[in-house]
């Protein structure tokens, strides 16, 4: 699970401690835009690749062709 941001009153000052403020605000940790997964939910690109990989492994066991990753 990802870390939660701190409440505003507990953050360092943006003017005097800008580097600490940026770290505390959880900046630069985005994992990409959400997209519709193969099961209908909104997922990150990493989770989508995992869903496709797992589905392809299961399909290979049954002799079915892999689904296309788009």
PDB file of N, CA and C in Angstrom:
ATOM      1  N   UNK A   1       0.827  -1.179   0.000  1.00  0.00           N
ATOM      2  CA  UNK A   1       0.000   0.000   0.000  1.00  0.00           C
ATOM      3  C   UNK A   1       0.872   1.243   0.000  1.00  0.00           C
ATOM      4  N   UNK A   2       0.349   2.277  -0.587  1.00  0.00           N
ATOM      5  CA  UNK A   2       1.120   3.513  -0.645  1.00  0.00           C
ATOM      6  C   UNK A   2       1.000   4.289   0.661  1.00  0.00           C
ATOM      7  N   UNK A   3       1.957   5.180   0.868  1.00  0.00           N
ATOM      8  CA  UNK A   3       1.937   6.002   2.071  1.00  0.00           C
ATOM      9  C   UNK A   3       0.921   7.122   1.925  1.00  0.00           C
ATOM     10  N   UNK A   4       0.335   7.514   3.030  1.00  0.00           N
ATOM     11  CA  UNK A   4      -0.625   8.600   3.020  1.00  0.00           C
ATOM     12  C   UNK A   4       0.088   9.923   3.258  1.00  0.00           C
ATOM     13  N   UNK A   5      -0.452  10.992   2.701  1.00  0.00           N
ATOM     14  CA  UNK A   5       0.106  12.310   2.935  1.00  0.00           C
ATOM     15  C   UNK A   5      -0.168  12.785   4.355  1.00  0.00           C
ATOM     16  N   UNK A   6       0.628  13.707   4.830  1.00  0.00           N
ATOM     17  CA  UNK A   6       0.440  14.238   6.173  1.00  0.00           C
ATOM     18  C   UNK A   6      -0.624  15.329   6.170  1.00  0.00           C
ATOM     19  N   UNK A   7      -1.304  15.532   7.300  1.00  0.00           N
ATOM     20  CA  UNK A   7      -2.242  16.654   7.392  1.00  0.00           C
ATOM     21  C   UNK A   7      -1.498  17.985   7.238  1.00  0.00           C
ATOM     22  N   UNK A   8      -2.187  18.988   6.761  1.00  0.00           N
ATOM     23  CA  UNK A   8      -1.553  20.279   6.473  1.00  0.00           C
ATOM     24  C   UNK A   8      -0.877  20.908   7.693  1.00  0.00           C
ATOM     25  N   UNK A   9      -1.460  20.755   8.865  1.00  0.00           N
ATOM     26  CA  UNK A   9      -0.870  21.408  10.043  1.00  0.00           C
ATOM     27  C   UNK A   9       0.435  20.748  10.482  1.00  0.00           C
ATOM     28  N   UNK A  10       0.711  19.537  10.044  1.00  0.00           N
ATOM     29  CA  UNK A  10       1.934  18.848  10.429  1.00  0.00           C
ATOM     30  C   UNK A  10       3.045  18.969   9.385  1.00  0.00           C
ATOM     31  N   UNK A  11       2.776  19.630   8.271  1.00  0.00           N
ATOM     32  CA  UNK A  11       3.782  19.777   7.217  1.00  0.00           C
ATOM     33  C   UNK A  11       4.799  20.854   7.565  1.00  0.00           C
ATOM     34  N   UNK A  12       6.059  20.691   7.093  1.00  0.00           N
ATOM     35  CA  UNK A  12       7.039  21.771   7.259  1.00  0.00           C
ATOM     36  C   UNK A  12       6.634  22.994   6.425  1.00  0.00           C
ATOM     37  N   UNK A  13       7.212  24.120   6.712  1.00  0.00           N
ATOM     38  CA  UNK A  13       6.897  25.347   6.002  1.00  0.00           C
ATOM     39  C   UNK A  13       7.360  25.245   4.546  1.00  0.00           C
ATOM     40  N   UNK A  14       6.483  25.604   3.608  1.00  0.00           N
ATOM     41  CA  UNK A  14       6.825  25.532   2.191  1.00  0.00           C
ATOM     42  C   UNK A  14       7.883  26.562   1.817  1.00  0.00           C
ATOM     43  N   UNK A  15       7.879  27.718   2.470  1.00  0.00           N
ATOM     44  CA  UNK A  15       8.831  28.778   2.138  1.00  0.00           C
ATOM     45  C   UNK A  15      10.214  28.527   2.726  1.00  0.00           C
ATOM     46  N   UNK A  16      10.281  28.116   3.992  1.00  0.00           N
ATOM     47  CA  UNK A  16      11.585  27.981   4.650  1.00  0.00           C
ATOM     48  C   UNK A  16      12.194  26.587   4.515  1.00  0.00           C
ATOM     49  N   UNK A  17      11.375  25.563   4.372  1.00  0.00           N
ATOM     50  CA  UNK A  17      11.877  24.194   4.275  1.00  0.00           C
ATOM     51  C   UNK A  17      11.274  23.513   3.050  1.00  0.00           C
ATOM     52  N   UNK A  18      11.586  24.024   1.880  1.00  0.00           N
ATOM     53  CA  UNK A  18      10.935  23.546   0.666  1.00  0.00           C
ATOM     54  C   UNK A  18      11.243  22.086   0.346  1.00  0.00           C
ATOM     55  N   UNK A  19      12.477  21.635   0.602  1.00  0.00           N
ATOM     56  CA  UNK A  19      12.820  20.239   0.298  1.00  0.00           C
ATOM     57  C   UNK A  19      12.090  19.272   1.223  1.00  0.00           C
ATOM     58  N   UNK A  20      12.051  19.608   2.518  1.00  0.00           N
ATOM     59  CA  UNK A  20      11.309  18.759   3.448  1.00  0.00           C
ATOM     60  C   UNK A  20       9.818  18.753   3.117  1.00  0.00           C
ATOM     61  N   UNK A  21       9.308  19.913   2.698  1.00  0.00           N
ATOM     62  CA  UNK A  21       7.895  20.017   2.333  1.00  0.00           C
ATOM     63  C   UNK A  21       7.586  19.099   1.149  1.00  0.00           C
ATOM     64  N   UNK A  22       8.451  19.101   0.141  1.00  0.00           N
ATOM     65  CA  UNK A  22       8.221  18.271  -1.048  1.00  0.00           C
ATOM     66  C   UNK A  22       8.255  16.790  -0.706  1.00  0.00           C
ATOM     67  N   UNK A  23       9.167  16.397   0.178  1.00  0.00           N
ATOM     68  CA  UNK A  23       9.248  14.994   0.573  1.00  0.00           C
ATOM     69  C   UNK A  23       8.000  14.591   1.358  1.00  0.00           C
ATOM     70  N   UNK A  24       7.565  15.446   2.255  1.00  0.00           N
ATOM     71  CA  UNK A  24       6.414  15.130   3.092  1.00  0.00           C
ATOM     72  C   UNK A  24       5.119  15.091   2.294  1.00  0.00           C
ATOM     73  N   UNK A  25       5.044  15.825   1.187  1.00  0.00           N
ATOM     74  CA  UNK A  25       3.819  15.886   0.388  1.00  0.00           C
ATOM     75  C   UNK A  25       3.674  14.695  -0.554  1.00  0.00           C
ATOM     76  N   UNK A  26       4.613  13.740  -0.510  1.00  0.00           N
ATOM     77  CA  UNK A  26       4.544  12.562  -1.369  1.00  0.00           C
ATOM     78  C   UNK A  26       4.618  12.969  -2.834  1.00  0.00           C
ATOM     79  N   UNK A  27       5.577  13.821  -3.167  1.00  0.00           N
ATOM     80  CA  UNK A  27       5.689  14.285  -4.544  1.00  0.00           C
ATOM     81  C   UNK A  27       6.548  13.336  -5.354  1.00  0.00           C
ATOM     82  N   UNK A  28       6.239  13.200  -6.628  1.00  0.00           N
ATOM     83  CA  UNK A  28       7.036  12.392  -7.527  1.00  0.00           C
ATOM     84  C   UNK A  28       6.879  10.894  -7.358  1.00  0.00           C
ATOM     85  N   UNK A  29       5.757  10.437  -6.812  1.00  0.00           N
ATOM     86  CA  UNK A  29       5.577   9.008  -6.609  1.00  0.00           C
ATOM     87  C   UNK A  29       4.416   8.471  -7.447  1.00  0.00           C
ATOM     88  N   UNK A  30       4.056   9.142  -8.490  1.00  0.00           N
ATOM     89  CA  UNK A  30       2.940   8.709  -9.313  1.00  0.00           C
ATOM     90  C   UNK A  30       3.314   7.468 -10.099  1.00  0.00           C
ATOM     91  N   UNK A  31       2.356   6.584 -10.283  1.00  0.00           N
ATOM     92  CA  UNK A  31       2.631   5.352 -11.011  1.00  0.00           C
ATOM     93  C   UNK A  31       1.966   5.349 -12.382  1.00  0.00           C
ATOM     94  N   UNK A  32       1.467   6.471 -12.827  1.00  0.00           N
ATOM     95  CA  UNK A  32       0.892   6.551 -14.160  1.00  0.00           C
ATOM     96  C   UNK A  32      -0.613   6.723 -14.122  1.00  0.00           C
ATOM     97  N   UNK A  33      -1.194   7.047 -15.263  1.00  0.00           N
ATOM     98  CA  UNK A  33      -2.641   7.263 -15.320  1.00  0.00           C
ATOM     99  C   UNK A  33      -3.401   5.945 -15.180  1.00  0.00           C
ATOM    100  N   UNK A  34      -4.563   6.012 -14.578  1.00  0.00           N
ATOM    101  CA  UNK A  34      -5.387   4.815 -14.433  1.00  0.00           C
ATOM    102  C   UNK A  34      -6.022   4.454 -15.759  1.00  0.00           C
ATOM    103  N   UNK A  35      -6.259   3.171 -15.943  1.00  0.00           N
ATOM    104  CA  UNK A  35      -6.936   2.691 -17.150  1.00  0.00           C
ATOM    105  C   UNK A  35      -7.836   1.540 -16.767  1.00  0.00           C
ATOM    106  N   UNK A  36      -8.708   1.149 -17.655  1.00  0.00           N
ATOM    107  CA  UNK A  36      -9.644   0.071 -17.373  1.00  0.00           C
ATOM    108  C   UNK A  36      -8.904  -1.264 -17.468  1.00  0.00           C
ATOM    109  N   UNK A  37      -8.978  -2.058 -16.402  1.00  0.00           N
ATOM    110  CA  UNK A  37      -8.333  -3.360 -16.376  1.00  0.00           C
ATOM    111  C   UNK A  37      -9.156  -4.396 -17.121  1.00  0.00           C
ATOM    112  N   UNK A  38      -8.635  -5.628 -17.205  1.00  0.00           N
ATOM    113  CA  UNK A  38      -9.342  -6.659 -17.969  1.00  0.00           C
ATOM    114  C   UNK A  38     -10.573  -7.166 -17.227  1.00  0.00           C
ATOM    115  N   UNK A  39     -10.687  -6.867 -15.932  1.00  0.00           N
ATOM    116  CA  UNK A  39     -11.860  -7.280 -15.162  1.00  0.00           C
ATOM    117  C   UNK A  39     -12.840  -6.133 -14.953  1.00  0.00           C
ATOM    118  N   UNK A  40     -12.595  -4.972 -15.574  1.00  0.00           N
ATOM    119  CA  UNK A  40     -13.537  -3.863 -15.516  1.00  0.00           C
ATOM    120  C   UNK A  40     -13.239  -2.797 -14.487  1.00  0.00           C
ATOM    121  N   UNK A  41     -12.219  -2.973 -13.663  1.00  0.00           N
ATOM    122  CA  UNK A  41     -11.894  -1.962 -12.657  1.00  0.00           C
ATOM    123  C   UNK A  41     -10.811  -1.045 -13.184  1.00  0.00           C
ATOM    124  N   UNK A  42     -10.658   0.122 -12.559  1.00  0.00           N
ATOM    125  CA  UNK A  42      -9.618   1.060 -12.940  1.00  0.00           C
ATOM    126  C   UNK A  42      -8.321   0.667 -12.222  1.00  0.00           C
ATOM    127  N   UNK A  43      -7.250   0.466 -12.988  1.00  0.00           N
ATOM    128  CA  UNK A  43      -5.983   0.013 -12.419  1.00  0.00           C
ATOM    129  C   UNK A  43      -4.830   0.829 -12.991  1.00  0.00           C
ATOM    130  N   UNK A  44      -3.679   0.752 -12.334  1.00  0.00           N
ATOM    131  CA  UNK A  44      -2.462   1.398 -12.824  1.00  0.00           C
ATOM    132  C   UNK A  44      -1.872   0.552 -13.953  1.00  0.00           C
ATOM    133  N   UNK A  45      -0.967   1.130 -14.754  1.00  0.00           N
ATOM    134  CA  UNK A  45      -0.355   0.348 -15.835  1.00  0.00           C
ATOM    135  C   UNK A  45       0.356  -0.909 -15.342  1.00  0.00           C
ATOM    136  N   UNK A  46       1.010  -0.826 -14.187  1.00  0.00           N
ATOM    137  CA  UNK A  46       1.705  -1.990 -13.635  1.00  0.00           C
ATOM    138  C   UNK A  46       0.715  -3.097 -13.280  1.00  0.00           C
ATOM    139  N   UNK A  47      -0.413  -2.724 -12.681  1.00  0.00           N
ATOM    140  CA  UNK A  47      -1.418  -3.713 -12.312  1.00  0.00           C
ATOM    141  C   UNK A  47      -2.067  -4.308 -13.557  1.00  0.00           C
ATOM    142  N   UNK A  48      -2.243  -3.500 -14.603  1.00  0.00           N
ATOM    143  CA  UNK A  48      -2.820  -4.008 -15.848  1.00  0.00           C
ATOM    144  C   UNK A  48      -1.912  -5.069 -16.466  1.00  0.00           C
ATOM    145  N   UNK A  49      -0.602  -4.793 -16.491  1.00  0.00           N
ATOM    146  CA  UNK A  49       0.339  -5.785 -17.028  1.00  0.00           C
ATOM    147  C   UNK A  49       0.300  -7.078 -16.225  1.00  0.00           C
ATOM    148  N   UNK A  50       0.146  -6.969 -14.907  1.00  0.00           N
ATOM    149  CA  UNK A  50       0.057  -8.158 -14.066  1.00  0.00           C
ATOM    150  C   UNK A  50      -1.221  -8.949 -14.362  1.00  0.00           C
ATOM    151  N   UNK A  51      -2.332  -8.248 -14.566  1.00  0.00           N
ATOM    152  CA  UNK A  51      -3.589  -8.926 -14.887  1.00  0.00           C
ATOM    153  C   UNK A  51      -3.474  -9.683 -16.198  1.00  0.00           C
ATOM    154  N   UNK A  52      -2.887  -9.034 -17.213  1.00  0.00           N
ATOM    155  CA  UNK A  52      -2.739  -9.672 -18.520  1.00  0.00           C
ATOM    156  C   UNK A  52      -1.815 -10.882 -18.414  1.00  0.00           C
ATOM    157  N   UNK A  53      -0.720 -10.736 -17.687  1.00  0.00           N
ATOM    158  CA  UNK A  53       0.226 -11.835 -17.521  1.00  0.00           C
ATOM    159  C   UNK A  53      -0.428 -13.029 -16.839  1.00  0.00           C
ATOM    160  N   UNK A  54      -1.162 -12.774 -15.759  1.00  0.00           N
ATOM    161  CA  UNK A  54      -1.829 -13.866 -15.045  1.00  0.00           C
ATOM    162  C   UNK A  54      -2.900 -14.530 -15.898  1.00  0.00           C
ATOM    163  N   UNK A  55      -3.643 -13.740 -16.642  1.00  0.00           N
ATOM    164  CA  UNK A  55      -4.677 -14.302 -17.503  1.00  0.00           C
ATOM    165  C   UNK A  55      -4.053 -15.143 -18.612  1.00  0.00           C
ATOM    166  N   UNK A  56      -2.936 -14.677 -19.172  1.00  0.00           N
ATOM    167  CA  UNK A  56      -2.276 -15.433 -20.235  1.00  0.00           C
ATOM    168  C   UNK A  56      -1.717 -16.756 -19.724  1.00  0.00           C
ATOM    169  N   UNK A  57      -1.204 -16.759 -18.488  1.00  0.00           N
ATOM    170  CA  UNK A  57      -0.707 -18.015 -17.910  1.00  0.00           C
ATOM    171  C   UNK A  57      -1.845 -19.021 -17.757  1.00  0.00           C
ATOM    172  N   UNK A  58      -2.998 -18.546 -17.277  1.00  0.00           N
ATOM    173  CA  UNK A  58      -4.145 -19.423 -17.095  1.00  0.00           C
ATOM    174  C   UNK A  58      -4.664 -19.920 -18.444  1.00  0.00           C
ATOM    175  N   UNK A  59      -4.680 -19.039 -19.453  1.00  0.00           N
ATOM    176  CA  UNK A  59      -5.149 -19.435 -20.784  1.00  0.00           C
ATOM    177  C   UNK A  59      -4.201 -20.439 -21.415  1.00  0.00           C
ATOM    178  N   UNK A  60      -2.896 -20.309 -21.176  1.00  0.00           N
ATOM    179  CA  UNK A  60      -1.922 -21.238 -21.738  1.00  0.00           C
ATOM    180  C   UNK A  60      -2.117 -22.640 -21.170  1.00  0.00           C
ATOM    181  N   UNK A  61      -2.486 -22.737 -19.892  1.00  0.00           N
ATOM    182  CA  UNK A  61      -2.725 -24.046 -19.284  1.00  0.00           C
ATOM    183  C   UNK A  61      -3.868 -24.789 -19.969  1.00  0.00           C
ATOM    184  N   UNK A  62      -4.847 -24.038 -20.470  1.00  0.00           N
ATOM    185  CA  UNK A  62      -6.009 -24.628 -21.113  1.00  0.00           C
ATOM    186  C   UNK A  62      -5.869 -24.690 -22.632  1.00  0.00           C
ATOM    187  N   UNK A  63      -4.715 -24.293 -23.150  1.00  0.00           N
ATOM    188  CA  UNK A  63      -4.478 -24.363 -24.591  1.00  0.00           C
ATOM    189  C   UNK A  63      -5.144 -23.268 -25.385  1.00  0.00           C
ATOM    190  N   UNK A  64      -5.463 -22.152 -24.746  1.00  0.00           N
ATOM    191  CA  UNK A  64      -6.108 -21.028 -25.438  1.00  0.00           C
ATOM    192  C   UNK A  64      -5.065 -20.001 -25.856  1.00  0.00           C
ATOM    193  N   UNK A  65      -5.353 -19.205 -26.885  1.00  0.00           N
ATOM    194  CA  UNK A  65      -4.389 -18.163 -27.284  1.00  0.00           C
ATOM    195  C   UNK A  65      -4.350 -17.046 -26.257  1.00  0.00           C
ATOM    196  N   UNK A  66      -3.213 -16.347 -26.143  1.00  0.00           N
ATOM    197  CA  UNK A  66      -3.113 -15.245 -25.175  1.00  0.00           C
ATOM    198  C   UNK A  66      -3.972 -14.061 -25.593  1.00  0.00           C
ATOM    199  N   UNK A  67      -4.404 -13.286 -24.600  1.00  0.00           N
ATOM    200  CA  UNK A  67      -5.128 -12.049 -24.909  1.00  0.00           C
ATOM    201  C   UNK A  67      -4.101 -10.991 -25.251  1.00  0.00           C
ATOM    202  N   UNK A  68      -4.484 -10.053 -26.061  1.00  0.00           N
ATOM    203  CA  UNK A  68      -3.554  -9.010 -26.522  1.00  0.00           C
ATOM    204  C   UNK A  68      -3.466  -7.911 -25.488  1.00  0.00           C
ATOM    205  N   UNK A  69      -2.251  -7.456 -25.187  1.00  0.00           N
ATOM    206  CA  UNK A  69      -2.052  -6.314 -24.302  1.00  0.00           C
ATOM    207  C   UNK A  69      -2.052  -5.062 -25.160  1.00  0.00           C
ATOM    208  N   UNK A  70      -3.014  -4.169 -24.889  1.00  0.00           N
ATOM    209  CA  UNK A  70      -3.103  -2.948 -25.699  1.00  0.00           C
ATOM    210  C   UNK A  70      -2.880  -1.729 -24.865  1.00  0.00           C
TER     211      UNK A  70
END
